[in-house]
Amino acid sequence: MVYGTIAVAGFLLGGVYSTWKTNRGFAVVLGVLAVLAVGGAVAWAL
């Protein structure tokens, strides 16, 4: 489950990278979701 959550965070970070120039608001939302996914993975691992 931890690896899947980290994979989702990586997918979200890729979305941030690809949308940053065209739609910064959406990129910020994706970035926040990526941070939450990483936090959830760390919490799940502990």
Protein backbone atom coordinates (compact mmCIF):
# COMPACT_ATOMS: atom_id res chain seq x y z
CA MET A 1 0.00 0.00 0.00
CA VAL A 2 2.87 2.37 0.78
CA TYR A 3 4.45 1.85 -2.63
CA GLY A 4 1.15 2.48 -4.36
CA THR A 5 0.66 5.73 -2.48
CA ILE A 6 4.17 6.86 -3.38
CA ALA A 7 3.46 5.99 -7.01
CA VAL A 8 0.31 8.14 -6.89
CA ALA A 9 2.37 10.99 -5.44
CA GLY A 10 4.85 10.66 -8.28
CA PHE A 11 2.03 10.70 -10.81
CA LEU A 12 0.65 13.86 -9.20
CA LEU A 13 4.06 15.53 -9.23
CA GLY A 14 4.35 14.73 -12.92
CA GLY A 15 1.01 16.47 -13.38
CA VAL A 16 2.34 19.50 -11.53
CA TYR A 17 5.35 19.63 -13.82
CA SER A 18 3.30 19.32 -16.98
CA THR A 19 0.56 21.81 -16.06
CA TRP A 20 2.64 24.50 -14.36
CA LYS A 21 3.00 26.71 -17.45
CA THR A 22 -0.61 26.46 -18.61
CA ASN A 23 -2.72 26.28 -15.45
CA ARG A 24 -0.93 27.20 -12.24
CA GLY A 25 -4.00 26.95 -10.02
CA PHE A 26 -4.57 23.33 -10.98
CA ALA A 27 -0.85 22.65 -10.60
CA VAL A 28 -0.96 23.97 -7.03
CA VAL A 29 -3.91 21.71 -6.24
CA LEU A 30 -2.03 18.73 -7.65
CA GLY A 31 1.03 19.69 -5.59
CA VAL A 32 -1.00 19.80 -2.40
CA LEU A 33 -2.48 16.41 -3.19
CA ALA A 34 1.01 15.03 -3.84
CA VAL A 35 2.21 16.29 -0.46
CA LEU A 36 -0.80 14.70 1.21
CA ALA A 37 -0.09 11.41 -0.58
CA VAL A 38 3.52 11.40 0.59
CA GLY A 39 2.43 12.25 4.13
CA GLY A 40 -0.08 9.42 4.03
CA ALA A 41 2.56 6.99 2.80
CA VAL A 42 4.93 7.98 5.58
CA ALA A 43 2.17 7.71 8.18
CA TRP A 44 1.15 4.29 6.82
CA ALA A 45 4.77 3.08 6.94
CA LEU A 46 5.17 4.08 10.56
